[in-house]
C-alpha atoms as a PDB file:
ATOM      1  CA  MET A   1       3.814  24.570 -12.367  1.00  0.00           C
ATOM      2  CA  LYS A   2       2.522  25.310  -8.894  1.00  0.00           C
ATOM      3  CA  LEU A   3       0.373  22.703  -7.218  1.00  0.00           C
ATOM      4  CA  ILE A   4      -2.939  24.108  -6.015  1.00  0.00           C
ATOM      5  CA  ARG A   5      -3.568  22.722  -2.574  1.00  0.00           C
ATOM      6  CA  TYR A   6      -6.863  21.365  -1.314  1.00  0.00           C
ATOM      7  CA  SER A   7      -7.699  19.512   1.863  1.00  0.00           C
ATOM      8  CA  VAL A   8      -6.825  15.836   2.152  1.00  0.00           C
ATOM      9  CA  LEU A   9     -10.066  15.390   4.029  1.00  0.00           C
ATOM     10  CA  ALA A  10     -11.986  16.745   1.066  1.00  0.00           C
ATOM     11  CA  ALA A  11     -10.235  14.367  -1.294  1.00  0.00           C
ATOM     12  CA  ALA A  12     -10.799  11.459   1.038  1.00  0.00           C
ATOM     13  CA  ALA A  13     -14.448  12.331   1.426  1.00  0.00           C
ATOM     14  CA  VAL A  14     -15.079  12.175  -2.297  1.00  0.00           C
ATOM     15  CA  THR A  15     -13.360   8.808  -2.449  1.00  0.00           C
ATOM     16  CA  VAL A  16     -15.232   7.345   0.484  1.00  0.00           C
ATOM     17  CA  ILE A  17     -18.594   8.153  -1.069  1.00  0.00           C
ATOM     18  CA  TYR A  18     -18.230   5.522  -3.749  1.00  0.00           C
ATOM     19  CA  LEU A  19     -15.577   3.210  -2.325  1.00  0.00           C
ATOM     20  CA  ALA A  20     -17.010   2.364   1.056  1.00  0.00           C
ATOM     21  CA  PRO A  21     -18.758  -1.025   0.961  1.00  0.00           C
ATOM     22  CA  VAL A  22     -22.341  -1.165   2.146  1.00  0.00           C
ATOM     23  CA  ARG A  23     -22.732  -3.160   5.359  1.00  0.00           C
ATOM     24  CA  THR A  24     -25.661  -4.209   7.463  1.00  0.00           C
ATOM     25  CA  ALA A  25     -25.450  -4.161  11.242  1.00  0.00           C
ATOM     26  CA  ALA A  26     -24.965  -7.924  11.209  1.00  0.00           C
ATOM     27  CA  GLN A  27     -21.996  -7.593   8.842  1.00  0.00           C
ATOM     28  CA  ALA A  28     -20.214  -4.848  10.761  1.00  0.00           C
ATOM     29  CA  PRO A  29     -16.638  -5.991  11.462  1.00  0.00           C
ATOM     30  CA  VAL A  30     -15.280  -6.251  14.973  1.00  0.00           C
ATOM     31  CA  LEU A  31     -11.856  -4.848  15.786  1.00  0.00           C
ATOM     32  CA  THR A  32      -9.628  -7.809  16.562  1.00  0.00           C
ATOM     33  CA  PRO A  33      -6.664  -7.757  18.945  1.00  0.00           C
ATOM     34  CA  ALA A  34      -4.955 -10.214  16.569  1.00  0.00           C
ATOM     35  CA  THR A  35      -3.472  -7.393  14.527  1.00  0.00           C
ATOM     36  CA  GLY A  36      -1.007  -6.551  17.311  1.00  0.00           C
ATOM     37  CA  ILE A  37       0.525  -3.782  15.198  1.00  0.00           C
ATOM     38  CA  PRO A  38      -2.192  -1.134  14.767  1.00  0.00           C
ATOM     39  CA  TRP A  39       0.314   1.300  13.238  1.00  0.00           C
ATOM     40  CA  ALA A  40       0.367  -0.939  10.144  1.00  0.00           C
ATOM     41  CA  TYR A  41      -3.441  -0.924   9.816  1.00  0.00           C
ATOM     42  CA  PRO A  42      -4.542   2.742   9.790  1.00  0.00           C
ATOM     43  CA  LEU A  43      -8.291   3.035  10.371  1.00  0.00           C
ATOM     44  CA  ASN A  44      -9.983   5.907   8.576  1.00  0.00           C
ATOM     45  CA  THR A  45     -10.779   9.172  10.275  1.00  0.00           C
ATOM     46  CA  PRO A  46     -14.457  10.071   9.579  1.00  0.00           C
ATOM     47  CA  VAL A  47     -14.786  12.699   6.838  1.00  0.00           C
ATOM     48  CA  THR A  48     -17.585  14.637   5.185  1.00  0.00           C
ATOM     49  CA  ALA A  49     -18.158  15.231   1.481  1.00  0.00           C
ATOM     50  CA  ALA A  50     -16.591  18.308  -0.078  1.00  0.00           C
ATOM     51  CA  ALA A  51     -18.456  20.736  -2.301  1.00  0.00           C
ATOM     52  CA  PRO A  52     -17.666  20.537  -6.052  1.00  0.00           C
ATOM     53  CA  ASP A  53     -14.621  22.614  -6.992  1.00  0.00           C
ATOM     54  CA  PRO A  54     -13.819  23.411 -10.658  1.00  0.00           C
ATOM     55  CA  THR A  55     -10.233  24.479  -9.857  1.00  0.00           C
ATOM     56  CA  ILE A  56      -7.669  22.879 -12.156  1.00  0.00           C
ATOM     57  CA  LEU A  57      -4.880  21.197 -10.169  1.00  0.00           C
ATOM     58  CA  HIS A  58      -1.274  20.693 -11.295  1.00  0.00           C
ATOM     59  CA  VAL A  59       1.847  18.863 -10.129  1.00  0.00           C
ATOM     60  CA  PRO A  60       5.529  19.452 -10.928  1.00  0.00           C
ATOM     61  CA  ASN A  61       6.945  18.165 -14.226  1.00  0.00           C
ATOM     62  CA  SER A  62       3.559  17.507 -15.766  1.00  0.00           C
ATOM     63  CA  LYS A  63       1.581  19.331 -18.441  1.00  0.00           C
ATOM     64  CA  ALA A  64      -1.655  17.692 -17.277  1.00  0.00           C
ATOM     65  CA  GLY A  65      -4.354  19.365 -15.245  1.00  0.00           C
ATOM     66  CA  PHE A  66      -7.266  17.798 -13.379  1.00  0.00           C
ATOM     67  CA  THR A  67     -10.096  18.946 -11.136  1.00  0.00           C
ATOM     68  CA  ARG A  68     -10.675  17.596  -7.645  1.00  0.00           C
ATOM     69  CA  ALA A  69     -13.459  15.351  -8.950  1.00  0.00           C
ATOM     70  CA  GLN A  70     -11.169  13.963 -11.638  1.00  0.00           C
ATOM     71  CA  VAL A  71      -8.328  13.022  -9.282  1.00  0.00           C
ATOM     72  CA  THR A  72     -10.776  11.016  -7.165  1.00  0.00           C
ATOM     73  CA  ASP A  73     -12.492   9.277 -10.090  1.00  0.00           C
ATOM     74  CA  GLY A  74     -11.802   5.573  -9.636  1.00  0.00           C
ATOM     75  CA  PHE A  75     -12.896   4.828 -13.197  1.00  0.00           C
ATOM     76  CA  ASN A  76     -10.642   7.407 -14.827  1.00  0.00           C
ATOM     77  CA  PRO A  77      -7.716   8.059 -12.466  1.00  0.00           C
ATOM     78  CA  PRO A  78      -5.299  10.889 -13.217  1.00  0.00           C
ATOM     79  CA  ASP A  79      -2.263  10.010 -15.298  1.00  0.00           C
ATOM     80  CA  TRP A  80       0.082  12.894 -14.515  1.00  0.00           C
ATOM     81  CA  HIS A  81       3.122  11.387 -16.225  1.00  0.00           C
ATOM     82  CA  PRO A  82       2.028   9.223 -19.204  1.00  0.00           C
ATOM     83  CA  GLU A  83       5.567   9.375 -20.583  1.00  0.00           C
ATOM     84  CA  GLY A  84       6.759   7.404 -17.544  1.00  0.00           C
ATOM     85  CA  HIS A  85       5.113   4.110 -18.479  1.00  0.00           C
ATOM     86  CA  GLN A  86       3.869   2.117 -21.445  1.00  0.00           C
ATOM     87  CA  ALA A  87       0.282   2.281 -22.675  1.00  0.00           C
ATOM     88  CA  MET A  88      -2.074   0.965 -19.990  1.00  0.00           C
ATOM     89  CA  PRO A  89      -4.595  -1.778 -20.726  1.00  0.00           C
ATOM     90  CA  ASN A  90      -8.163  -0.593 -20.287  1.00  0.00           C
ATOM     91  CA  ILE A  91      -8.665  -2.389 -16.976  1.00  0.00           C
ATOM     92  CA  VAL A  92      -5.708  -0.452 -15.532  1.00  0.00           C
ATOM     93  CA  SER A  93      -6.654   2.969 -16.930  1.00  0.00           C
ATOM     94  CA  LYS A  94     -10.464   2.826 -16.810  1.00  0.00           C
ATOM     95  CA  GLY A  95     -11.639  -0.305 -15.028  1.00  0.00           C
ATOM     96  CA  ARG A  96     -15.069  -1.690 -15.743  1.00  0.00           C
ATOM     97  CA  ALA A  97     -17.919   0.357 -14.324  1.00  0.00           C
ATOM     98  CA  PRO A  98     -19.730  -0.125 -12.062  1.00  0.00           C
ATOM     99  CA  ASP A  99     -17.970  -3.140 -10.520  1.00  0.00           C
ATOM    100  CA  MET A 100     -14.254  -2.857 -11.280  1.00  0.00           C
ATOM    101  CA  ARG A 101     -12.417   0.325 -10.387  1.00  0.00           C
ATOM    102  CA  ALA A 102      -9.282   0.989 -12.482  1.00  0.00           C
ATOM    103  CA  CYS A 103      -6.200  -0.803 -11.116  1.00  0.00           C
ATOM    104  CA  GLY A 104      -4.221   2.390 -11.727  1.00  0.00           C
ATOM    105  CA  TYR A 105      -6.341   4.301  -9.240  1.00  0.00           C
ATOM    106  CA  CYS A 106      -5.003   2.566  -6.130  1.00  0.00           C
ATOM    107  CA  HIS A 107      -1.738   1.127  -7.444  1.00  0.00           C
ATOM    108  CA  LEU A 108      -1.005   4.233  -9.590  1.00  0.00           C
ATOM    109  CA  PRO A 109      -0.378   4.166 -13.353  1.00  0.00           C
ATOM    110  CA  ASN A 110       3.325   3.368 -12.854  1.00  0.00           C
ATOM    111  CA  GLY A 111       2.628   0.632 -10.296  1.00  0.00           C
ATOM    112  CA  GLN A 112       4.495   2.343  -7.447  1.00  0.00           C
ATOM    113  CA  GLY A 113       1.522   1.949  -5.111  1.00  0.00           C
ATOM    114  CA  ARG A 114       0.933   3.607  -1.741  1.00  0.00           C
ATOM    115  CA  PRO A 115       1.273   2.474   1.901  1.00  0.00           C
ATOM    116  CA  GLU A 116      -2.350   1.314   2.030  1.00  0.00           C
ATOM    117  CA  ASN A 117      -1.883  -1.094  -0.875  1.00  0.00           C
ATOM    118  CA  SER A 118       0.788  -2.964  -2.797  1.00  0.00           C
ATOM    119  CA  SER A 119       3.477  -1.675  -5.125  1.00  0.00           C
ATOM    120  CA  LEU A 120       3.032  -3.922  -8.152  1.00  0.00           C
ATOM    121  CA  ALA A 121       5.788  -2.602 -10.418  1.00  0.00           C
ATOM    122  CA  GLY A 122       8.278  -5.339 -11.253  1.00  0.00           C
ATOM    123  CA  LEU A 123       6.484  -8.201  -9.502  1.00  0.00           C
ATOM    124  CA  SER A 124       6.017 -11.297 -11.648  1.00  0.00           C
ATOM    125  CA  ALA A 125       2.753 -11.540 -13.584  1.00  0.00           C
ATOM    126  CA  ALA A 126       2.167 -15.022 -12.146  1.00  0.00           C
ATOM    127  CA  TYR A 127       2.495 -13.739  -8.589  1.00  0.00           C
ATOM    128  CA  ILE A 128       0.101 -10.834  -9.187  1.00  0.00           C
ATOM    129  CA  GLU A 129      -2.476 -13.144 -10.769  1.00  0.00           C
ATOM    130  CA  GLN A 130      -2.151 -15.605  -7.890  1.00  0.00           C
ATOM    131  CA  GLN A 131      -2.809 -12.911  -5.297  1.00  0.00           C
ATOM    132  CA  VAL A 132      -5.963 -11.714  -7.053  1.00  0.00           C
ATOM    133  CA  ASN A 133      -7.123 -15.326  -7.262  1.00  0.00           C
ATOM    134  CA  ASP A 134      -6.413 -15.797  -3.551  1.00  0.00           C
ATOM    135  CA  TRP A 135      -8.457 -12.699  -2.681  1.00  0.00           C
ATOM    136  CA  ARG A 136     -11.282 -13.895  -4.929  1.00  0.00           C
ATOM    137  CA  ASP A 137     -11.244 -17.432  -3.514  1.00  0.00           C
ATOM    138  CA  GLY A 138     -11.201 -16.329   0.126  1.00  0.00           C
ATOM    139  CA  LEU A 139      -7.623 -17.494   0.686  1.00  0.00           C
ATOM    140  CA  ARG A 140      -6.382 -14.007   1.416  1.00  0.00           C
ATOM    141  CA  THR A 141      -8.000 -11.445   3.708  1.00  0.00           C
ATOM    142  CA  SER A 142      -6.744  -8.916   6.267  1.00  0.00           C
ATOM    143  CA  SER A 143      -6.091  -9.358   9.978  1.00  0.00           C
ATOM    144  CA  GLU A 144      -7.891  -6.043  10.453  1.00  0.00           C
ATOM    145  CA  PRO A 145     -11.380  -6.201   8.864  1.00  0.00           C
ATOM    146  CA  ASN A 146     -11.967  -2.519   9.592  1.00  0.00           C
ATOM    147  CA  MET A 147      -9.199  -1.342   7.264  1.00  0.00           C
ATOM    148  CA  GLY A 148     -10.836  -0.053   4.091  1.00  0.00           C
ATOM    149  CA  PRO A 149      -8.254  -0.620   1.310  1.00  0.00           C
ATOM    150  CA  PRO A 150      -7.805  -4.398   1.901  1.00  0.00           C
ATOM    151  CA  LEU A 151     -11.578  -4.768   2.057  1.00  0.00           C
ATOM    152  CA  ASN A 152     -11.880  -2.866  -1.221  1.00  0.00           C
ATOM    153  CA  MET A 153      -9.288  -5.184  -2.779  1.00  0.00           C
ATOM    154  CA  LEU A 154     -11.266  -8.188  -1.599  1.00  0.00           C
ATOM    155  CA  ASN A 155     -14.466  -6.859  -3.169  1.00  0.00           C
ATOM    156  CA  LEU A 156     -12.764  -5.846  -6.413  1.00  0.00           C
ATOM    157  CA  SER A 157     -11.070  -9.241  -6.737  1.00  0.00           C
ATOM    158  CA  LYS A 158     -14.405 -11.003  -6.337  1.00  0.00           C
ATOM    159  CA  ALA A 159     -15.796  -8.816  -9.142  1.00  0.00           C
ATOM    160  CA  SER A 160     -12.817  -9.464 -11.444  1.00  0.00           C
ATOM    161  CA  ASN A 161     -12.339 -12.127 -14.101  1.00  0.00           C
ATOM    162  CA  VAL A 162      -9.333 -13.859 -15.664  1.00  0.00           C
ATOM    163  CA  GLU A 163      -9.611 -11.891 -18.913  1.00  0.00           C
ATOM    164  CA  GLU A 164      -9.103  -8.651 -16.960  1.00  0.00           C
ATOM    165  CA  VAL A 165      -6.525  -9.756 -14.426  1.00  0.00           C
ATOM    166  CA  LYS A 166      -4.078 -11.264 -16.914  1.00  0.00           C
ATOM    167  CA  PRO A 167      -3.359  -8.089 -18.970  1.00  0.00           C
ATOM    168  CA  ALA A 168      -3.173  -6.024 -15.778  1.00  0.00           C
ATOM    169  CA  ALA A 169      -0.656  -8.434 -14.251  1.00  0.00           C
ATOM    170  CA  GLU A 170       1.419  -8.449 -17.444  1.00  0.00           C
ATOM    171  CA  TYR A 171       1.382  -4.649 -17.541  1.00  0.00           C
ATOM    172  CA  PHE A 172       2.580  -4.135 -13.965  1.00  0.00           C
ATOM    173  CA  SER A 173       5.189  -6.896 -14.225  1.00  0.00           C
ATOM    174  CA  LYS A 174       6.937  -5.021 -17.058  1.00  0.00           C
ATOM    175  CA  LEU A 175       7.287  -1.802 -15.075  1.00  0.00           C
ATOM    176  CA  THR A 176      10.437  -0.941 -13.117  1.00  0.00           C
ATOM    177  CA  TYR A 177       9.997  -0.212  -9.430  1.00  0.00           C
ATOM    178  CA  LYS A 178      11.787   3.032  -8.518  1.00  0.00           C
ATOM    179  CA  PRO A 179      13.052   4.291  -5.122  1.00  0.00           C
ATOM    180  CA  TRP A 180       9.879   5.304  -3.317  1.00  0.00           C
ATOM    181  CA  VAL A 181      10.371   5.136   0.457  1.00  0.00           C
ATOM    182  CA  ARG A 182      12.918   7.102   2.487  1.00  0.00           C
ATOM    183  CA  VAL A 183      13.614   5.491   5.860  1.00  0.00           C
ATOM    184  CA  VAL A 184      14.470   7.817   8.744  1.00  0.00           C
ATOM    185  CA  GLU A 185      15.308   6.679  12.264  1.00  0.00           C
ATOM    186  CA  ALA A 186      13.797   9.132  14.754  1.00  0.00           C
ATOM    187  CA  THR A 187      12.655   9.368  18.371  1.00  0.00           C
ATOM    188  CA  MET A 188      10.093  12.100  17.606  1.00  0.00           C
ATOM    189  CA  VAL A 189       7.757  12.115  14.603  1.00  0.00           C
ATOM    190  CA  PRO A 190       5.002  14.340  13.216  1.00  0.00           C
ATOM    191  CA  LYS A 191       1.635  13.768  14.819  1.00  0.00           C
ATOM    192  CA  THR A 192      -0.562  12.024  12.262  1.00  0.00           C
ATOM    193  CA  LYS A 193      -4.087  10.798  11.653  1.00  0.00           C
ATOM    194  CA  ALA A 194      -5.405   8.023   9.412  1.00  0.00           C
ATOM    195  CA  VAL A 195      -7.090   8.946   6.135  1.00  0.00           C
ATOM    196  CA  ILE A 196      -7.965   6.273   3.570  1.00  0.00           C
ATOM    197  CA  GLY A 197      -5.546   3.738   4.991  1.00  0.00           C
ATOM    198  CA  MET A 198      -2.463   5.925   5.406  1.00  0.00           C
ATOM    199  CA  TRP A 199      -1.013   8.259   8.011  1.00  0.00           C
ATOM    200  CA  VAL A 200      -1.083  11.965   7.132  1.00  0.00           C
ATOM    201  CA  PRO A 201       0.195  14.934   9.154  1.00  0.00           C
ATOM    202  CA  ASP A 202      -2.264  16.300  11.722  1.00  0.00           C
ATOM    203  CA  GLY A 203      -1.018  19.817  12.365  1.00  0.00           C
ATOM    204  CA  LYS A 204       2.579  20.668  13.217  1.00  0.00           C
ATOM    205  CA  GLU A 205       2.905  18.909  16.563  1.00  0.00           C
ATOM    206  CA  MET A 206       5.481  16.179  17.209  1.00  0.00           C
ATOM    207  CA  GLU A 207       5.116  13.086  19.371  1.00  0.00           C
ATOM    208  CA  PRO A 208       7.296  10.128  20.484  1.00  0.00           C
ATOM    209  CA  ILE A 209       7.484   7.378  17.900  1.00  0.00           C
ATOM    210  CA  GLY A 210       7.313   4.543  20.419  1.00  0.00           C
ATOM    211  CA  MET A 211       7.312   1.095  18.789  1.00  0.00           C
ATOM    212  CA  ARG A 212       5.744   2.169  15.516  1.00  0.00           C
ATOM    213  CA  ILE A 213       6.583   2.857  11.904  1.00  0.00           C
ATOM    214  CA  ILE A 214       4.939   6.033  10.690  1.00  0.00           C
ATOM    215  CA  GLU A 215       4.874   6.068   6.885  1.00  0.00           C
ATOM    216  CA  THR A 216       3.576   9.335   5.516  1.00  0.00           C
ATOM    217  CA  PRO A 217       3.753  11.320   2.249  1.00  0.00           C
ATOM    218  CA  GLU A 218       6.935  13.237   1.432  1.00  0.00           C
ATOM    219  CA  ASP A 219       4.690  15.899  -0.096  1.00  0.00           C
ATOM    220  CA  LEU A 220       1.101  15.705   1.102  1.00  0.00           C
ATOM    221  CA  GLU A 221      -0.187  18.048  -1.582  1.00  0.00           C
ATOM    222  CA  ARG A 222       1.139  15.835  -4.371  1.00  0.00           C
ATOM    223  CA  THR A 223      -0.004  12.622  -2.735  1.00  0.00           C
ATOM    224  CA  GLU A 224      -3.493  14.102  -2.329  1.00  0.00           C
ATOM    225  CA  VAL A 225      -3.826  14.424  -6.084  1.00  0.00           C
ATOM    226  CA  ARG A 226      -2.305  10.977  -6.727  1.00  0.00           C
ATOM    227  CA  ASP A 227       0.976  12.159  -8.231  1.00  0.00           C
ATOM    228  CA  ASP A 228       2.771   8.907  -9.052  1.00  0.00           C
ATOM    229  CA  THR A 229       6.220  10.506  -8.792  1.00  0.00           C
ATOM    230  CA  SER A 230       5.892  11.714  -5.193  1.00  0.00           C
ATOM    231  CA  GLY A 231       6.906   9.081  -2.647  1.00  0.00           C
ATOM    232  CA  PHE A 232       6.903   8.545   1.104  1.00  0.00           C
ATOM    233  CA  VAL A 233       9.025   8.862   4.217  1.00  0.00           C
ATOM    234  CA  ALA A 234       8.963   6.095   6.823  1.00  0.00           C
ATOM    235  CA  TYR A 235       9.956   7.070  10.362  1.00  0.00           C
ATOM    236  CA  VAL A 236      11.247   4.108  12.356  1.00  0.00           C
ATOM    237  CA  PRO A 237      12.597   3.758  15.918  1.00  0.00           C
ATOM    238  CA  PRO A 238      16.383   4.246  16.304  1.00  0.00           C
ATOM    239  CA  GLY A 239      18.325   1.030  15.725  1.00  0.00           C
ATOM    240  CA  SER A 240      15.496  -0.618  13.785  1.00  0.00           C
ATOM    241  CA  VAL A 241      17.372  -1.034  10.526  1.00  0.00           C
ATOM    242  CA  GLU A 242      20.348  -2.849  12.074  1.00  0.00           C
ATOM    243  CA  LYS A 243      18.105  -5.066  14.173  1.00  0.00           C
ATOM    244  CA  GLY A 244      16.064  -5.897  11.096  1.00  0.00           C
ATOM    245  CA  LYS A 245      19.201  -6.684   9.133  1.00  0.00           C
ATOM    246  CA  ALA A 246      20.270  -9.206  11.772  1.00  0.00           C
ATOM    247  CA  LEU A 247      16.847 -10.834  11.789  1.00  0.00           C
ATOM    248  CA  ALA A 248      16.690 -10.987   7.985  1.00  0.00           C
ATOM    249  CA  ALA A 249      20.100 -12.677   7.982  1.00  0.00           C
ATOM    250  CA  SER A 250      18.791 -15.188  10.556  1.00  0.00           C
ATOM    251  CA  LYS A 251      21.520 -14.552  13.087  1.00  0.00           C
ATOM    252  CA  ASN A 252      19.367 -16.204  15.729  1.00  0.00           C
ATOM    253  CA  THR A 253      16.735 -18.946  15.804  1.00  0.00           C
ATOM    254  CA  THR A 254      13.734 -16.621  15.516  1.00  0.00           C
ATOM    255  CA  THR A 255      13.287 -16.971  11.774  1.00  0.00           C
ATOM    256  CA  VAL A 256      15.034 -18.085   8.583  1.00  0.00           C
ATOM    257  CA  GLN A 257      17.134 -16.105   6.143  1.00  0.00           C
ATOM    258  CA  CYS A 258      14.904 -13.918   3.957  1.00  0.00           C
ATOM    259  CA  SER A 259      17.314 -14.166   1.027  1.00  0.00           C
ATOM    260  CA  ILE A 260      16.728 -17.902   0.652  1.00  0.00           C
ATOM    261  CA  CYS A 261      13.398 -17.211  -1.032  1.00  0.00           C
ATOM    262  CA  HIS A 262      13.451 -13.487  -1.841  1.00  0.00           C
ATOM    263  CA  GLY A 263      16.908 -13.418  -3.422  1.00  0.00           C
ATOM    264  CA  ALA A 264      20.333 -12.329  -2.196  1.00  0.00           C
ATOM    265  CA  ASP A 265      19.454  -8.646  -2.517  1.00  0.00           C
ATOM    266  CA  LEU A 266      15.788  -9.160  -1.526  1.00  0.00           C
ATOM    267  CA  LYS A 267      14.718  -7.941  -4.979  1.00  0.00           C
ATOM    268  CA  GLY A 268      12.638 -11.026  -5.576  1.00  0.00           C
ATOM    269  CA  LYS A 269      13.339 -14.372  -7.195  1.00  0.00           C
ATOM    270  CA  GLY A 270      11.027 -15.950  -9.743  1.00  0.00           C
ATOM    271  CA  ASP A 271       7.465 -15.719  -8.467  1.00  0.00           C
ATOM    272  CA  VAL A 272       8.625 -14.758  -4.962  1.00  0.00           C
ATOM    273  CA  PRO A 273       8.040 -11.000  -4.511  1.00  0.00           C
ATOM    274  CA  ALA A 274      10.646  -8.324  -3.967  1.00  0.00           C
ATOM    275  CA  LEU A 275      10.999  -6.752  -0.519  1.00  0.00           C
ATOM    276  CA  ALA A 276      13.778  -4.211  -1.077  1.00  0.00           C
ATOM    277  CA  GLY A 277      12.614  -0.617  -0.946  1.00  0.00           C
ATOM    278  CA  ARG A 278       8.932  -1.507  -0.659  1.00  0.00           C
ATOM    279  CA  SER A 279       6.478   0.020   1.820  1.00  0.00           C
ATOM    280  CA  PRO A 280       7.339  -1.071   5.382  1.00  0.00           C
ATOM    281  CA  SER A 281       3.688  -0.691   6.421  1.00  0.00           C
ATOM    282  CA  TYR A 282       2.646  -3.101   3.692  1.00  0.00           C
ATOM    283  CA  ILE A 283       5.437  -5.599   4.444  1.00  0.00           C
ATOM    284  CA  ALA A 284       4.563  -5.580   8.153  1.00  0.00           C
ATOM    285  CA  ARG A 285       0.888  -6.232   7.370  1.00  0.00           C
ATOM    286  CA  GLN A 286       1.781  -9.195   5.193  1.00  0.00           C
ATOM    287  CA  MET A 287       3.976 -10.810   7.844  1.00  0.00           C
ATOM    288  CA  ASN A 288       1.249 -10.304  10.402  1.00  0.00           C
ATOM    289  CA  ASP A 289      -1.445 -11.621   8.049  1.00  0.00           C
ATOM    290  CA  PHE A 290       0.592 -14.777   7.445  1.00  0.00           C
ATOM    291  CA  LYS A 291       1.064 -15.174  11.181  1.00  0.00           C
ATOM    292  CA  THR A 292      -2.639 -14.768  12.003  1.00  0.00           C
ATOM    293  CA  GLY A 293      -3.729 -16.991   9.119  1.00  0.00           C
ATOM    294  CA  ALA A 294      -5.484 -14.179   7.224  1.00  0.00           C
ATOM    295  CA  ARG A 295      -3.255 -15.117   4.276  1.00  0.00           C
ATOM    296  CA  HIS A 296      -3.346 -18.839   3.568  1.00  0.00           C
ATOM    297  CA  GLY A 297      -3.072 -19.081  -0.203  1.00  0.00           C
ATOM    298  CA  LYS A 298      -0.218 -20.445  -2.302  1.00  0.00           C
ATOM    299  CA  GLY A 299       3.095 -20.037  -0.498  1.00  0.00           C
ATOM    300  CA  ALA A 300       1.448 -19.236   2.818  1.00  0.00           C
ATOM    301  CA  ALA A 301       2.433 -22.503   4.467  1.00  0.00           C
ATOM    302  CA  GLY A 302       6.129 -21.721   4.084  1.00  0.00           C
ATOM    303  CA  MET A 303       5.723 -18.130   5.244  1.00  0.00           C
ATOM    304  CA  LYS A 304       3.670 -19.133   8.264  1.00  0.00           C
ATOM    305  CA  GLY A 305       6.630 -21.075   9.591  1.00  0.00           C
ATOM    306  CA  VAL A 306       8.967 -18.164   8.884  1.00  0.00           C
ATOM    307  CA  VAL A 307       6.903 -15.648  10.862  1.00  0.00           C
ATOM    308  CA  ALA A 308       5.578 -17.959  13.598  1.00  0.00           C
ATOM    309  CA  LYS A 309       8.143 -16.884  16.214  1.00  0.00           C
ATOM    310  CA  LEU A 310       8.385 -13.225  15.192  1.00  0.00           C
ATOM    311  CA  SER A 311       7.261 -10.717  17.796  1.00  0.00           C
ATOM    312  CA  ASN A 312       5.534  -7.469  16.884  1.00  0.00           C
ATOM    313  CA  GLU A 313       8.874  -5.711  17.378  1.00  0.00           C
ATOM    314  CA  ASP A 314      10.637  -8.213  15.103  1.00  0.00           C
ATOM    315  CA  MET A 315       8.161  -7.499  12.304  1.00  0.00           C
ATOM    316  CA  LEU A 316       8.752  -3.780  12.750  1.00  0.00           C
ATOM    317  CA  TYR A 317      12.528  -4.223  12.549  1.00  0.00           C
ATOM    318  CA  ILE A 318      12.422  -6.437   9.449  1.00  0.00           C
ATOM    319  CA  SER A 319      10.022  -4.043   7.698  1.00  0.00           C
ATOM    320  CA  ALA A 320      12.287  -1.078   8.478  1.00  0.00           C
ATOM    321  CA  TYR A 321      15.322  -2.928   7.150  1.00  0.00           C
ATOM    322  CA  THR A 322      13.769  -4.142   3.907  1.00  0.00           C
ATOM    323  CA  ALA A 323      12.340  -0.679   3.198  1.00  0.00           C
ATOM    324  CA  SER A 324      15.800   0.857   3.652  1.00  0.00           C
ATOM    325  CA  LEU A 325      17.318  -1.249   0.860  1.00  0.00           C
ATOM    326  CA  LYS A 326      17.822  -0.039  -2.680  1.00  0.00           C
ATOM    327  CA  PRO A 327      15.114  -1.541  -4.920  1.00  0.00           C
END
């Protein structure tokens, strides 16, 4: 089936209408220099609402069809490939209106996630529950208060309850995380702009990568409609993977060996999350959030020591390396 294209800005606009939290002037966040790695915290490009469009959209290898309004419905997200996962609990497939958007909207029905949030597939249920509790209890925030998706997660966690979180955590923990990110070392990358917490192509121009990771959809059209089988490409500076490998192996005194806690293949160990093949943008944000103290829940004390001496470049290198590994 041929995918019918529509503008990413239109899709984003529909989403922003009901996702954006209401703030007063006194509550408006201030951009902090503490982030240090702005490439990992994309800040939304302003968008305007799109007119209703009854066109039925399709993606490859799916018999389903959804309208633009349906693919941006946080309380009934599109499930393009229901055969690819077990039956979803209601909180994952529908949420609880008006307070709890469906978990499957942001994290996708198969738990693969996107660069602006976490891939939950295969993480332990206990770890997932703990993170929601940390968000709810104020023990986990973001170093960049202007980034929309982490703020949405904070608000949703505060609206959640144990009875909802437990089945969602169990569901995602039983899924298998599949290869999702293709790492490419490059000096020049597509020019991009931020839309809903991720980088998307902005025309056909190229620009120097500098000291950034640019993680963007492999197929923008499919990502726009939340196709949970279409992944991402992460452009990283030349030499990043090898430098990250050396850091992860603790071949200097900058940090400690990642495998001690995350397992020999960095696929996770017990309630310690997997790193292999996961979004480098997300991994970089977490290291930075531990370093700045934005994350100070269970396990944060140990991680704070691990990342204390890491430079912004070190975090880039480690993120590039972990993303390059087979999940």
